[in-house]
């Protein structure tokens, strides 16, 4: 089957296997399939080579997993940096959104009091405030998801066997932002509902 001959990021390309006697090289690699722990057979591999040529050294025996990690070291460092920056961005977005929504709802405490004075029940007021907050979130999420998907397409070349449109990632971010929005809208609304519209002060529990 096609293989990544050099780096993991390389695309499969045409390759021809040639006998080493016709293609002399200073350094050569041999891939050996084993049963069980590959490193447990290292001495057997050395003895097999020495039986062919006693002057041929055998060294740097490593597993396939090691070579994959070694070859993807640079990409792994970049990926970790992106994860850290992405987490910081998510936290900043969540904190900022909570602050803006909480302040916006708190500024409407007088309006909430008037609605209660006119007979609106608490559940309707909470639902009204939640719908407005989630509506703003929905617009922002649509724009954000489109931008995120666009940037992911640009970075597709840096990824190997990774789905840039992973639904679990997008869904997880969306659920987190929805929860934060709900809390940011609910807490100030709940505090406003404790205010007696007739006397303008918080009711005692």
Protein backbone atom coordinates (compact mmCIF):
# COMPACT_ATOMS: atom_id res chain seq x y z
CA UNK A 1 0.00 0.00 0.00
CA UNK A 2 1.01 3.64 -0.33
CA UNK A 3 3.12 4.91 2.56
CA UNK A 4 4.40 8.23 3.89
CA UNK A 5 7.99 7.64 2.83
CA UNK A 6 9.62 10.69 4.45
CA UNK A 7 7.63 12.85 6.81
CA UNK A 8 4.13 12.14 8.04
CA UNK A 9 2.90 15.23 6.19
CA UNK A 10 4.26 14.00 2.85
CA UNK A 11 1.76 12.80 0.30
CA UNK A 12 2.22 9.23 -0.99
CA UNK A 13 4.31 9.14 -4.14
CA UNK A 14 5.71 6.57 -6.53
CA UNK A 15 8.53 4.54 -5.01
CA UNK A 16 10.67 1.71 -6.37
CA UNK A 17 12.36 -0.89 -4.17
CA UNK A 18 15.95 -1.63 -5.26
CA UNK A 19 18.51 -4.17 -4.00
CA UNK A 20 21.16 -2.55 -1.80
CA UNK A 21 23.84 -4.18 -3.96
CA UNK A 22 22.65 -1.97 -6.85
CA UNK A 23 22.05 1.14 -4.78
CA UNK A 24 24.93 1.66 -2.38
CA UNK A 25 24.18 3.96 0.57
CA UNK A 26 26.14 4.99 3.66
CA UNK A 27 23.16 4.57 5.97
CA UNK A 28 20.24 2.21 5.60
CA UNK A 29 17.08 1.45 7.54
CA UNK A 30 15.36 -1.89 7.88
CA UNK A 31 11.76 -2.34 9.01
CA UNK A 32 11.04 -5.61 10.81
CA UNK A 33 7.63 -6.92 11.78
CA UNK A 34 7.73 -8.76 15.10
CA UNK A 35 5.37 -10.55 17.45
CA UNK A 36 5.19 -8.88 20.87
CA UNK A 37 7.61 -6.21 22.05
CA UNK A 38 9.81 -5.20 19.06
CA UNK A 39 12.76 -4.16 21.25
CA UNK A 40 12.85 -7.64 22.77
CA UNK A 41 14.11 -8.91 19.39
CA UNK A 42 16.88 -6.32 19.04
CA UNK A 43 19.69 -8.80 19.76
CA UNK A 44 18.26 -11.29 17.26
CA UNK A 45 18.28 -8.54 14.62
CA UNK A 46 21.92 -7.70 15.34
CA UNK A 47 22.96 -11.35 15.13
CA UNK A 48 21.12 -11.74 11.80
CA UNK A 49 23.01 -8.78 10.31
CA UNK A 50 26.36 -9.92 11.73
CA UNK A 51 25.82 -13.30 10.13
CA UNK A 52 25.72 -11.54 6.74
CA UNK A 53 28.50 -9.00 7.37
CA UNK A 54 30.52 -8.89 10.59
CA UNK A 55 31.72 -5.34 9.82
CA UNK A 56 28.23 -3.89 9.43
CA UNK A 57 27.15 -2.06 12.65
CA UNK A 58 23.56 -2.13 13.79
CA UNK A 59 22.37 0.68 16.05
CA UNK A 60 19.49 3.00 16.91
CA UNK A 61 16.85 0.31 17.08
CA UNK A 62 13.50 1.94 17.78
CA UNK A 63 9.84 1.10 17.45
CA UNK A 64 7.56 2.41 14.72
CA UNK A 65 5.64 4.47 17.31
CA UNK A 66 8.89 6.20 18.27
CA UNK A 67 9.67 7.12 14.67
CA UNK A 68 6.16 8.45 14.12
CA UNK A 69 6.43 10.66 17.21
CA UNK A 70 9.96 11.72 16.26
CA UNK A 71 8.87 12.68 12.76
CA UNK A 72 5.83 14.60 13.98
CA UNK A 73 7.65 16.46 16.78
CA UNK A 74 7.47 19.88 15.10
CA UNK A 75 3.81 19.47 14.22
CA UNK A 76 3.09 18.28 17.77
CA UNK A 77 4.68 21.42 19.27
CA UNK A 78 2.65 23.62 16.93
CA UNK A 79 -0.52 21.71 17.80
CA UNK A 80 0.08 22.12 21.54
CA UNK A 81 0.59 25.87 21.07
CA UNK A 82 -2.65 26.10 19.11
CA UNK A 83 -4.45 24.18 21.86
CA UNK A 84 -3.16 26.58 24.52
CA UNK A 85 -4.05 29.67 22.49
CA UNK A 86 -7.45 28.20 21.65
CA UNK A 87 -8.18 27.49 25.31
CA UNK A 88 -7.14 31.02 26.31
CA UNK A 89 -9.33 32.47 23.55
CA UNK A 90 -12.28 30.35 24.68
CA UNK A 91 -11.88 31.46 28.31
CA UNK A 92 -11.59 35.12 27.30
CA UNK A 93 -14.64 34.81 25.06
CA UNK A 94 -16.65 33.13 27.82
CA UNK A 95 -15.68 35.68 30.48
CA UNK A 96 -16.27 38.61 28.14
CA UNK A 97 -19.62 37.30 27.00
CA UNK A 98 -20.72 36.65 30.58
CA UNK A 99 -19.73 40.18 31.63
CA UNK A 100 -21.47 41.87 28.70
CA UNK A 101 -24.68 39.87 29.03
CA UNK A 102 -24.81 40.19 32.82
CA UNK A 103 -24.33 43.95 32.58
CA UNK A 104 -26.93 44.25 29.83
CA UNK A 105 -29.53 42.34 31.83
CA UNK A 106 -28.70 44.23 35.03
CA UNK A 107 -29.26 47.53 33.22
CA UNK A 108 -32.82 46.41 32.51
CA UNK A 109 -33.70 45.81 36.14
CA UNK A 110 -36.09 48.80 36.11
CA UNK A 111 -37.80 47.43 33.02
CA UNK A 112 -38.18 44.05 34.72
CA UNK A 113 -39.71 45.75 37.74
CA UNK A 114 -42.22 47.57 35.53
CA UNK A 115 -43.15 44.33 33.79
CA UNK A 116 -43.77 42.66 37.15
CA UNK A 117 -45.85 45.63 38.31
CA UNK A 118 -48.00 45.26 35.20
CA UNK A 119 -48.66 41.62 36.06
CA UNK A 120 -46.03 39.68 34.14
CA UNK A 121 -45.17 36.41 35.86
CA UNK A 122 -41.57 35.58 36.67
CA UNK A 123 -41.38 32.65 34.24
CA UNK A 124 -42.40 34.84 31.32
CA UNK A 125 -39.84 37.50 32.24
CA UNK A 126 -37.08 34.91 32.53
CA UNK A 127 -38.06 33.38 29.20
CA UNK A 128 -38.14 36.81 27.54
CA UNK A 129 -34.65 37.70 28.77
CA UNK A 130 -33.29 34.26 27.87
CA UNK A 131 -34.67 34.45 24.32
CA UNK A 132 -33.06 37.82 23.73
CA UNK A 133 -29.70 36.70 25.11
CA UNK A 134 -29.72 33.43 23.18
CA UNK A 135 -30.73 35.31 20.03
CA UNK A 136 -27.62 37.46 20.30
CA UNK A 137 -25.54 34.35 20.98
CA UNK A 138 -27.02 32.60 17.95
CA UNK A 139 -25.99 35.40 15.61
CA UNK A 140 -22.49 35.47 17.05
CA UNK A 141 -22.15 31.68 16.87
CA UNK A 142 -23.18 31.55 13.22
CA UNK A 143 -20.54 34.12 12.30
CA UNK A 144 -17.94 32.50 14.56
CA UNK A 145 -18.55 28.98 13.26
CA UNK A 146 -18.26 30.13 9.65
CA UNK A 147 -14.97 31.89 10.39
CA UNK A 148 -13.68 28.87 12.35
CA UNK A 149 -14.55 26.52 9.49
CA UNK A 150 -12.85 28.85 7.00
CA UNK A 151 -9.63 29.03 9.03
CA UNK A 152 -9.71 25.25 9.48
CA UNK A 153 -9.78 24.82 5.70
CA UNK A 154 -6.72 27.06 5.40
CA UNK A 155 -4.86 24.92 7.96
CA UNK A 156 -5.91 21.63 6.39
CA UNK A 157 -2.45 21.19 4.88
CA UNK A 158 -0.86 21.08 8.35
CA UNK A 159 -3.08 18.23 9.51
CA UNK A 160 -2.79 14.52 8.77
CA UNK A 161 -5.85 12.28 8.96
CA UNK A 162 -7.71 14.94 10.98
CA UNK A 163 -11.25 16.02 10.22
CA UNK A 164 -11.21 19.83 10.20
CA UNK A 165 -15.01 19.81 10.44
CA UNK A 166 -15.14 17.62 13.54
CA UNK A 167 -18.76 17.92 14.72
CA UNK A 168 -17.90 17.05 18.34
CA UNK A 169 -15.54 20.02 18.63
CA UNK A 170 -18.04 22.49 17.21
CA UNK A 171 -20.86 21.01 19.27
CA UNK A 172 -18.80 21.13 22.48
CA UNK A 173 -17.94 24.81 22.01
CA UNK A 174 -21.55 25.63 21.16
CA UNK A 175 -22.92 23.86 24.26
CA UNK A 176 -20.37 25.60 26.49
CA UNK A 177 -21.29 29.04 25.14
CA UNK A 178 -25.01 28.31 25.47
CA UNK A 179 -24.58 27.32 29.12
CA UNK A 180 -22.54 30.45 29.84
CA UNK A 181 -25.14 32.62 28.11
CA UNK A 182 -27.96 31.02 30.08
CA UNK A 183 -26.16 31.62 33.38
CA UNK A 184 -25.22 35.18 32.40
CA UNK A 185 -28.84 35.97 31.64
CA UNK A 186 -30.40 34.04 34.51
CA UNK A 187 -28.43 35.39 37.46
CA UNK A 188 -29.06 39.14 36.88
CA UNK A 189 -32.68 38.41 35.97
CA UNK A 190 -33.13 36.44 39.19
CA UNK A 191 -31.67 39.31 41.20
CA UNK A 192 -33.93 41.79 39.43
CA UNK A 193 -36.96 39.65 40.17
CA UNK A 194 -36.21 39.92 43.89
CA UNK A 195 -36.70 43.69 43.73
CA UNK A 196 -40.13 44.82 44.87
CA UNK A 197 -41.37 47.19 42.15
CA UNK A 198 -43.43 49.13 44.69
CA UNK A 199 -40.60 49.97 47.08
CA UNK A 200 -37.56 49.56 44.80
CA UNK A 201 -35.55 47.37 47.13
CA UNK A 202 -34.63 43.72 47.34
CA UNK A 203 -37.14 41.49 49.05
CA UNK A 204 -35.99 39.56 52.06
CA UNK A 205 -35.89 35.79 51.58
